[in-house]
Protein backbone atom coordinates (compact mmCIF):
# COMPACT_ATOMS: atom_id res chain seq x y z
CA MET A 1 -172.57 260.04 -28.25
CA ARG A 2 -171.62 256.64 -26.89
CA ILE A 3 -170.74 258.08 -23.46
CA ILE A 4 -174.01 260.09 -23.36
CA SER A 5 -176.04 257.01 -24.12
CA ILE A 6 -174.39 255.17 -21.27
CA PHE A 7 -175.55 257.84 -18.84
CA ALA A 8 -179.09 258.11 -20.30
CA LEU A 9 -181.62 257.82 -17.43
CA PRO A 10 -185.15 256.38 -17.39
CA ASN A 11 -188.19 258.68 -17.04
CA ILE A 12 -188.04 260.15 -13.52
CA ASP A 13 -191.82 260.56 -13.22
CA LEU A 14 -192.29 256.86 -13.78
CA LEU A 15 -189.80 256.07 -11.07
CA CYS A 16 -191.52 258.44 -8.62
CA ASN A 17 -195.14 257.36 -8.87
CA GLY A 18 -195.32 254.49 -11.27
CA SER A 19 -197.61 256.54 -13.57
CA THR A 20 -197.44 256.58 -17.29
CA ALA A 21 -196.37 259.66 -19.14
CA ASP A 22 -200.01 260.40 -19.96
CA SER A 23 -201.29 260.32 -16.38
CA GLY A 24 -199.79 263.70 -15.51
CA PRO A 25 -196.90 264.79 -13.30
CA ALA A 26 -196.66 263.86 -9.66
CA SER A 27 -195.41 266.12 -6.88
CA LEU A 28 -192.02 265.08 -5.50
CA GLY A 29 -192.48 266.99 -2.33
CA SER A 30 -195.74 265.27 -1.48
CA ASN A 31 -193.98 262.01 -0.52
CA PRO A 32 -190.56 262.22 1.31
CA SER A 33 -189.96 258.47 1.29
CA ARG A 34 -190.48 258.40 -2.41
CA SER A 35 -187.93 261.27 -2.77
CA THR A 36 -185.33 259.35 -0.72
CA SER A 37 -185.83 256.24 -2.83
CA LEU A 38 -185.35 258.26 -5.96
CA THR A 39 -182.06 259.69 -4.67
CA GLN A 40 -180.75 256.24 -3.79
CA PHE A 41 -181.80 254.92 -7.16
CA LEU A 42 -180.08 257.72 -9.02
CA PHE A 43 -176.86 257.20 -7.03
CA LEU A 44 -176.83 253.46 -7.68
CA HIS A 45 -177.67 253.99 -11.34
CA ILE A 46 -174.82 256.48 -11.82
CA MET A 47 -172.33 254.20 -10.05
CA LYS A 48 -173.41 251.33 -12.27
CA ARG A 49 -172.80 253.42 -15.35
CA LEU A 50 -169.39 254.54 -14.06
CA LEU A 51 -168.37 250.95 -13.46
CA SER A 52 -169.50 250.08 -16.99
CA VAL A 53 -167.34 252.86 -18.42
CA MET A 54 -164.35 251.74 -16.36
CA LEU A 55 -164.80 248.16 -17.53
CA VAL A 56 -164.89 249.27 -21.15
CA CYS A 57 -161.70 251.35 -20.65
CA PHE A 58 -159.86 248.47 -19.00
CA THR A 59 -160.95 246.12 -21.78
CA TYR A 60 -159.65 248.45 -24.48
CA ALA A 61 -156.37 248.91 -22.57
CA ALA A 62 -155.89 245.15 -22.26
CA LEU A 63 -156.63 244.60 -25.94
CA PHE A 64 -154.22 247.36 -26.90
CA SER A 65 -151.50 245.81 -24.73
CA ILE A 66 -152.04 242.37 -26.25
CA VAL A 67 -151.89 243.77 -29.78
CA ALA A 68 -148.75 245.78 -28.95
CA ASP A 69 -147.06 242.69 -27.49
CA ALA A 70 -147.99 240.66 -30.55
CA GLN A 71 -146.56 243.32 -32.81
CA ARG A 72 -143.40 243.44 -30.73
CA ILE A 73 -142.94 239.68 -30.91
CA GLU A 74 -143.96 239.17 -34.52
CA ASN A 75 -142.94 242.59 -35.87
CA THR A 76 -146.35 242.82 -37.61
CA ASN A 77 -146.59 246.58 -37.33
CA PRO A 78 -145.15 247.98 -40.60
CA ASN A 79 -144.66 251.39 -39.01
CA LYS A 80 -142.49 250.29 -36.07
CA GLN A 81 -140.20 247.28 -35.92
CA PHE A 82 -138.49 246.02 -32.75
CA ILE A 83 -134.88 244.89 -32.70
CA PRO A 84 -134.31 241.51 -30.94
CA ASP A 85 -132.48 241.36 -27.63
CA LYS A 86 -128.81 242.25 -27.90
CA SER A 87 -126.69 239.17 -28.59
CA ASN A 88 -123.74 240.64 -26.68
CA HIS A 89 -125.52 239.73 -23.45
CA VAL A 90 -124.77 236.05 -24.17
CA ARG A 91 -121.46 234.44 -23.22
CA ASN A 92 -120.14 231.73 -25.52
CA GLU A 93 -118.89 229.25 -22.96
CA VAL A 94 -115.74 227.34 -23.90
CA VAL A 95 -116.16 224.10 -21.99
CA ILE A 96 -112.90 222.37 -21.10
CA PRO A 97 -112.85 219.99 -18.13
CA ASP A 98 -110.42 220.74 -15.31
CA PHE A 99 -107.70 218.15 -14.84
CA ALA A 100 -104.64 217.24 -12.78
CA GLY A 101 -106.04 219.32 -9.92
CA TYR A 102 -105.97 222.55 -11.95
CA LYS A 103 -108.65 224.82 -13.35
CA VAL A 104 -108.40 225.40 -17.10
CA LEU A 105 -108.62 229.17 -17.58
CA LYS A 106 -108.86 230.70 -21.04
CA GLY A 107 -106.74 233.79 -21.70
CA ASP A 108 -105.54 236.24 -24.32
CA PHE A 109 -102.30 237.98 -23.29
CA HIS A 110 -101.76 240.22 -26.33
CA ILE A 111 -104.36 242.72 -27.57
CA HIS A 112 -104.59 246.45 -28.34
CA THR A 113 -106.93 249.44 -27.93
CA VAL A 114 -107.10 253.01 -29.19
CA PHE A 115 -104.46 253.92 -26.62
CA SER A 116 -101.86 252.47 -29.02
CA ASP A 117 -102.70 251.29 -32.54
CA GLY A 118 -105.98 249.47 -31.90
CA VAL A 119 -109.36 250.79 -33.01
CA VAL A 120 -111.59 249.94 -30.03
CA TRP A 121 -112.11 251.23 -26.50
CA PRO A 122 -110.67 249.27 -23.52
CA THR A 123 -114.09 248.37 -22.07
CA TYR A 124 -115.07 246.85 -25.40
CA ARG A 125 -112.05 244.52 -25.17
CA ILE A 126 -113.37 243.29 -21.82
CA GLN A 127 -116.85 242.74 -23.23
CA GLU A 128 -115.40 240.83 -26.19
CA ALA A 129 -113.39 238.61 -23.85
CA TRP A 130 -116.47 237.87 -21.76
CA ARG A 131 -118.60 237.03 -24.82
CA ASP A 132 -115.85 234.77 -26.19
CA GLY A 133 -115.68 232.71 -23.01
CA LEU A 134 -112.31 234.02 -21.76
CA ASP A 135 -111.30 234.27 -18.12
CA ILE A 136 -108.10 236.32 -18.48
CA LEU A 137 -107.15 239.33 -20.60
CA ALA A 138 -103.97 241.39 -20.88
CA ILE A 139 -104.36 244.69 -22.74
CA SER A 140 -100.82 245.25 -23.98
CA ASP A 141 -100.79 248.65 -25.68
CA HIS A 142 -97.48 249.71 -27.20
CA ILE A 143 -95.08 251.85 -25.19
CA GLU A 144 -93.60 253.60 -28.22
CA TYR A 145 -96.15 253.33 -31.02
CA ARG A 146 -99.20 255.50 -30.22
CA PRO A 147 -100.64 256.84 -33.50
CA HIS A 148 -103.76 258.22 -31.75
CA SER A 149 -101.83 260.11 -29.07
CA GLN A 150 -102.83 263.53 -30.41
CA TYR A 151 -106.42 262.62 -29.60
CA MET A 152 -105.80 260.45 -26.53
CA ASN A 153 -104.20 262.72 -23.96
CA ALA A 154 -103.51 260.06 -21.36
CA ASP A 155 -100.58 258.14 -19.88
CA ARG A 156 -99.55 254.62 -20.84
CA ASN A 157 -101.57 253.04 -18.05
CA ALA A 158 -104.88 254.55 -19.19
CA SER A 159 -106.26 251.49 -21.01
CA MET A 160 -105.80 249.32 -17.93
CA LYS A 161 -107.40 251.91 -15.65
CA ILE A 162 -110.41 252.31 -17.95
CA ALA A 163 -110.88 248.56 -18.42
CA ALA A 164 -110.54 247.61 -14.74
CA PRO A 165 -114.13 248.38 -13.56
CA GLU A 166 -115.67 246.49 -16.51
CA ALA A 167 -113.32 243.55 -15.91
CA GLU A 168 -114.35 243.40 -12.26
CA LYS A 169 -118.03 243.61 -13.22
CA LEU A 170 -117.78 240.70 -15.70
CA GLY A 171 -115.37 238.55 -13.71
CA ILE A 172 -112.47 238.87 -16.16
CA LEU A 173 -108.96 238.71 -14.67
CA LEU A 174 -107.24 241.80 -16.08
CA VAL A 175 -103.45 241.45 -16.20
CA PRO A 176 -101.56 244.79 -16.17
CA ALA A 177 -99.43 244.71 -19.33
CA THR A 178 -97.67 246.65 -22.07
CA GLU A 179 -95.62 245.98 -25.20
CA VAL A 180 -92.07 247.12 -25.90
CA THR A 181 -91.99 247.64 -29.67
CA ARG A 182 -88.75 247.98 -31.65
CA GLU A 183 -87.41 246.90 -35.04
CA GLN A 184 -88.70 243.45 -35.95
CA GLY A 185 -86.01 240.86 -36.68
CA VAL A 186 -83.33 242.88 -34.93
CA ILE A 187 -84.67 243.78 -31.51
CA GLY A 188 -88.29 242.66 -31.72
CA HIS A 189 -91.50 243.10 -29.75
CA PHE A 190 -91.96 241.95 -26.14
CA ASN A 191 -94.96 241.85 -23.83
CA ALA A 192 -94.45 242.55 -20.15
CA LEU A 193 -97.17 241.14 -17.88
CA PHE A 194 -97.94 242.01 -14.26
CA ILE A 195 -96.26 245.40 -14.49
CA LYS A 196 -96.88 248.24 -12.02
CA ASP A 197 -96.29 251.34 -14.18
CA ALA A 198 -95.92 251.35 -17.97
CA GLU A 199 -94.71 254.96 -17.98
CA LEU A 200 -91.46 253.95 -16.30
CA MET A 201 -90.71 251.64 -19.25
CA ASN A 202 -90.73 254.49 -21.77
CA LEU A 203 -86.95 254.40 -22.21
CA GLU A 204 -84.79 254.83 -25.30
CA ASP A 205 -82.75 251.67 -24.67
CA PRO A 206 -85.03 248.62 -25.23
CA LYS A 207 -82.95 246.42 -22.96
CA GLU A 208 -83.25 249.00 -20.18
CA ALA A 209 -87.02 249.09 -20.75
CA LEU A 210 -87.19 245.32 -20.25
CA ARG A 211 -84.92 245.56 -17.22
CA GLU A 212 -87.32 248.11 -15.76
CA ALA A 213 -90.15 245.68 -16.39
CA ARG A 214 -88.20 243.00 -14.54
CA ARG A 215 -87.63 245.39 -11.62
CA GLN A 216 -91.40 245.73 -11.46
CA GLY A 217 -91.69 241.95 -11.23
CA ALA A 218 -92.89 241.48 -14.80
CA PHE A 219 -93.23 238.25 -16.75
CA ILE A 220 -91.75 238.93 -20.23
CA PHE A 221 -92.44 237.03 -23.44
CA PHE A 222 -91.21 237.34 -27.02
CA ASN A 223 -93.98 238.26 -29.50
CA HIS A 224 -94.60 236.83 -33.00
CA PRO A 225 -91.00 235.68 -33.71
CA GLY A 226 -91.72 234.95 -37.37
CA TRP A 227 -93.82 238.02 -38.20
CA ARG A 228 -92.64 239.79 -41.39
CA MET A 229 -89.83 237.26 -41.70
CA ASP A 230 -89.20 234.15 -43.79
CA THR A 231 -87.73 232.23 -40.87
CA CYS A 232 -88.04 231.95 -37.11
CA VAL A 233 -84.74 232.51 -35.33
CA PHE A 234 -83.32 234.45 -32.40
CA SER A 235 -81.40 237.58 -33.33
CA PRO A 236 -78.12 238.41 -31.50
CA PHE A 237 -80.01 240.93 -29.33
CA GLN A 238 -82.65 238.35 -28.42
CA LYS A 239 -79.94 235.82 -27.54
CA GLU A 240 -78.51 238.41 -25.14
CA LEU A 241 -81.93 238.73 -23.52
CA LEU A 242 -82.11 234.94 -23.14
CA GLU A 243 -78.68 234.85 -21.51
CA GLU A 244 -79.70 237.62 -19.13
CA GLY A 245 -82.92 235.82 -18.27
CA LEU A 246 -85.19 238.51 -19.71
CA ILE A 247 -87.33 236.17 -21.86
CA ASP A 248 -89.76 233.97 -19.93
CA GLY A 249 -91.93 232.82 -22.82
CA VAL A 250 -92.69 233.07 -26.53
CA GLU A 251 -95.74 233.27 -28.76
CA ALA A 252 -96.11 230.12 -30.82
CA VAL A 253 -99.35 231.56 -32.23
CA ASN A 254 -100.06 235.18 -33.03
CA GLY A 255 -103.36 235.92 -34.74
CA PHE A 256 -103.37 233.81 -37.92
CA GLU A 257 -99.67 232.90 -37.74
CA PHE A 258 -98.31 229.69 -36.23
CA TYR A 259 -94.58 229.24 -35.58
CA PRO A 260 -93.87 225.50 -35.12
CA ARG A 261 -90.26 226.14 -34.09
CA ALA A 262 -91.45 228.14 -31.09
CA ILE A 263 -92.88 224.93 -29.58
CA SER A 264 -89.40 223.43 -29.67
CA TRP A 265 -87.95 226.58 -28.07
CA CYS A 266 -90.41 226.23 -25.20
CA LYS A 267 -89.30 222.67 -24.53
CA ASP A 268 -85.58 223.13 -25.15
CA LEU A 269 -85.22 226.51 -23.38
CA ASN A 270 -87.72 225.78 -20.61
CA ILE A 271 -89.88 228.82 -21.38
CA THR A 272 -93.67 229.29 -21.47
CA LEU A 273 -95.81 228.89 -24.58
CA PHE A 274 -98.47 231.43 -25.61
CA ALA A 275 -101.21 231.61 -28.25
CA ASN A 276 -102.69 235.11 -28.52
CA SER A 277 -104.89 237.15 -30.84
CA ASP A 278 -102.84 240.37 -31.08
CA ALA A 279 -106.13 241.89 -32.24
CA HIS A 280 -106.22 245.54 -33.27
CA ASP A 281 -109.66 245.47 -34.90
CA PRO A 282 -112.80 244.17 -33.17
CA VAL A 283 -112.20 240.47 -32.59
CA PRO A 284 -115.36 239.17 -34.35
CA VAL A 285 -114.52 241.28 -37.42
CA TYR A 286 -110.89 240.15 -37.47
CA PHE A 287 -111.31 236.40 -36.95
CA LYS A 288 -114.82 235.77 -38.31
CA TYR A 289 -115.00 232.57 -36.29
CA ASP A 290 -117.92 230.19 -36.57
CA ARG A 291 -119.70 229.07 -33.38
CA LYS A 292 -122.23 226.70 -34.91
CA GLY A 293 -120.31 223.47 -34.31
CA ALA A 294 -119.36 222.77 -37.91
CA GLU A 295 -116.21 220.79 -38.65
CA ASP A 296 -114.19 223.97 -39.07
CA VAL A 297 -115.49 225.52 -35.85
CA ARG A 298 -112.87 227.72 -34.32
CA TYR A 299 -112.42 230.24 -31.55
CA ARG A 300 -110.08 233.18 -31.29
CA PRO A 301 -106.53 232.11 -30.41
CA MET A 302 -106.25 231.60 -26.68
CA THR A 303 -103.78 230.44 -24.08
CA LEU A 304 -105.16 227.75 -21.78
CA VAL A 305 -103.72 228.30 -18.31
CA LEU A 306 -103.71 225.47 -15.78
CA ALA A 307 -104.13 227.44 -12.57
CA LYS A 308 -104.74 226.41 -8.99
CA ASP A 309 -107.69 228.80 -8.83
CA LYS A 310 -109.16 231.76 -10.65
CA SER A 311 -106.95 234.58 -9.41
CA LEU A 312 -104.15 236.73 -10.78
CA GLU A 313 -101.74 235.15 -8.30
CA ALA A 314 -102.62 231.66 -9.52
CA VAL A 315 -102.26 232.76 -13.16
CA ARG A 316 -98.80 234.15 -12.47
CA GLU A 317 -97.77 230.96 -10.69
CA ALA A 318 -98.99 228.86 -13.65
CA LEU A 319 -97.07 230.98 -16.18
CA ASP A 320 -93.90 230.69 -14.12
CA ALA A 321 -94.44 226.90 -13.95
CA ARG A 322 -95.01 226.71 -17.76
CA ARG A 323 -98.47 225.15 -17.41
CA THR A 324 -99.99 226.49 -20.63
CA ILE A 325 -101.50 225.08 -23.82
CA GLY A 326 -102.07 227.04 -27.01
CA SER A 327 -105.44 226.76 -28.76
CA TYR A 328 -105.88 228.20 -32.22
CA HIS A 329 -108.29 227.53 -35.11
CA GLY A 330 -108.94 223.93 -34.10
CA TYR A 331 -105.34 223.05 -33.13
CA LEU A 332 -103.72 222.51 -29.73
CA ILE A 333 -100.03 222.94 -28.94
CA GLY A 334 -97.97 222.47 -25.80
CA MET A 335 -95.84 220.09 -23.81
CA PHE A 336 -96.55 216.38 -24.17
CA ASP A 337 -97.74 215.71 -20.60
CA LEU A 338 -100.15 218.66 -20.63
CA LEU A 339 -101.63 217.67 -23.98
CA GLU A 340 -102.06 214.09 -22.79
CA GLY A 341 -103.82 215.26 -19.63
CA LEU A 342 -106.08 217.52 -21.67
CA PHE A 343 -107.02 214.74 -24.08
CA ASP A 344 -107.76 212.29 -21.25
CA ALA A 345 -109.94 214.89 -19.53
CA CYS A 346 -111.93 215.69 -22.67
CA VAL A 347 -112.35 212.26 -24.30
CA SER A 348 -113.99 209.42 -22.42
CA THR A 349 -114.58 205.80 -23.43
CA GLU A 350 -117.62 203.63 -22.81
CA LYS A 351 -118.30 199.99 -23.67
CA LEU A 352 -121.39 199.74 -25.89
CA SER A 353 -121.69 196.03 -26.63
CA VAL A 354 -119.94 192.72 -27.14
CA VAL A 355 -120.71 190.95 -30.40
CA GLY A 356 -118.96 187.62 -30.81
CA LYS A 357 -115.23 188.17 -30.34
CA ASN A 358 -115.48 191.95 -30.76
CA THR A 359 -116.25 194.76 -28.37
CA ASN A 360 -117.80 198.03 -29.55
CA TRP A 361 -116.62 201.17 -27.78
CA GLN A 362 -117.93 204.72 -27.79
CA LEU A 363 -115.48 207.63 -27.68
CA ARG A 364 -117.17 210.80 -26.43
CA ASN A 365 -115.85 214.36 -26.61
CA ASN A 366 -116.95 216.18 -23.46
CA SER A 367 -115.54 219.58 -24.45
CA SER A 368 -115.85 222.53 -26.82
CA LEU A 369 -112.62 221.47 -28.53
CA ILE A 370 -112.14 219.46 -31.71
CA PHE A 371 -110.01 216.30 -31.81
CA ARG A 372 -108.73 214.73 -35.03
CA PHE A 373 -106.85 211.48 -34.48
CA ARG A 374 -105.68 208.28 -36.10
CA ILE A 375 -106.00 204.77 -34.72
CA GLY A 376 -104.23 202.22 -36.89
CA SER A 377 -104.92 203.33 -40.45
CA THR A 378 -108.28 204.99 -39.73
CA ASP A 379 -108.75 208.72 -39.16
CA TYR A 380 -111.46 210.00 -36.83
CA ILE A 381 -112.86 213.39 -35.90
CA LEU A 382 -114.66 214.30 -32.70
CA LEU A 383 -116.50 217.60 -32.94
CA PRO A 384 -117.53 219.34 -29.71
CA PHE A 385 -119.86 217.17 -27.63
CA THR A 386 -120.11 214.35 -30.17
CA SER A 387 -119.19 210.66 -30.13
CA CYS A 388 -117.77 208.05 -32.48
CA THR A 389 -117.48 204.28 -32.29
CA LEU A 390 -114.46 201.99 -32.26
CA THR A 391 -114.52 198.20 -32.69
CA ARG A 392 -111.71 195.97 -31.46
CA THR A 393 -111.39 192.34 -30.47
CA SER A 394 -112.33 191.85 -26.86
CA ASP A 395 -108.79 190.95 -25.81
CA ILE A 396 -107.55 194.48 -26.73
CA THR A 397 -107.36 196.71 -23.64
CA SER A 398 -105.67 199.77 -25.16
CA VAL A 399 -104.82 201.35 -28.50
CA ASP A 400 -102.22 203.87 -29.67
CA ILE A 401 -103.82 207.11 -30.80
CA THR A 402 -102.04 209.83 -32.81
CA VAL A 403 -103.76 213.18 -32.31
CA LEU A 404 -103.42 214.97 -35.63
CA ASN A 405 -104.48 218.44 -34.47
CA MET A 406 -101.98 218.50 -31.60
CA TYR A 407 -98.27 219.41 -31.68
CA HIS A 408 -95.87 218.88 -28.80
CA TYR A 409 -92.70 219.71 -30.74
CA GLU A 410 -91.89 221.23 -34.10
CA ASN A 411 -94.18 219.46 -36.63
CA THR A 412 -94.56 216.48 -34.27
CA HIS A 413 -97.91 214.98 -33.24
CA PRO A 414 -98.20 213.27 -29.85
CA VAL A 415 -99.06 209.59 -29.64
CA PHE A 416 -101.07 208.60 -26.56
CA LYS A 417 -102.19 205.23 -25.23
CA LEU A 418 -105.98 205.15 -25.03
CA GLU A 419 -107.22 202.74 -22.37
CA LEU A 420 -110.35 200.81 -23.35
CA LYS A 421 -112.22 200.49 -20.12
């Protein structure tokens, strides 16, 4: 009825001759000009009504769109709720300043997928790494232990092949890798990085498998030396590997386990230090790390690689040169000079004021890392991107600082000289 009323026309007789309804009908044919005027009037009147209808339709459409947007934003419609944007589209940047002419790349060199004993797909590992702020990932599925093999009819290079396109898309350096897995405490587990074909390492003799990895140009490191053991020592077999030059590095951190003695091995044996997740479950489920900046903020274990640039070639060169630092659950481990360079790059000093004989200094943390340290008898903590103050007499130009969440040797904290300038 509303549409009909819009198109309702005035009395035609009145339009034709100006008469009232009581004056009688007029003949349309008796006046051609009057007939033409009537036609024009009817056309314009109909067009006006059409435009009115269109305006009403557009108004209703706009109002409906506004209401729908409001419901989408505020979830006010009880019959249909909208899920917020996916959080996995956000990368959690781990900010660590470059130093000593090197880029600080964040890597995890030990992780698993469904192609060995993990529970996630290879592309998901890449997405996790990207969200967690990593630059490098090595998917190191086991050569021998493949409990899902009856369902995963693929060779031992499959996880790397599947992950490669996603890694390229997200800018993650994917290191070709695998894990040789034998009896812990006797033979042990070893990751081989930068391999060419994992299938060729499927050999009965573990030493021959590692020799094959070396023939492929692999970098080999000893995994979780203290796992399922009460101590952390080299077995006779592992000593043979060291003598033959088949161990290039060792994990000082594996998941939630930290092996202080492994730091000493890295220094004394001139091998490379690693801190890795060895995750089999989804990383956020396994580590449950907090990203809110609280005092116990922590990231997944990661190996900081001091590389000349962001490339696989530069990563390999850095591993060979032993330029790595382990980061795990708020702690940092590595060689003394690298830890000192990292601290100097992350923590800056600024003079705030001079009051009488004293000078007040501000110590600022310019990184995503945490630093706990002692100056004199006072303990300090610098959370990510926070500052603290230090007061000394104006004649003091430097102070000794013991960094309590750093280790450069077995159970040994480094002591640096902090310049006040």
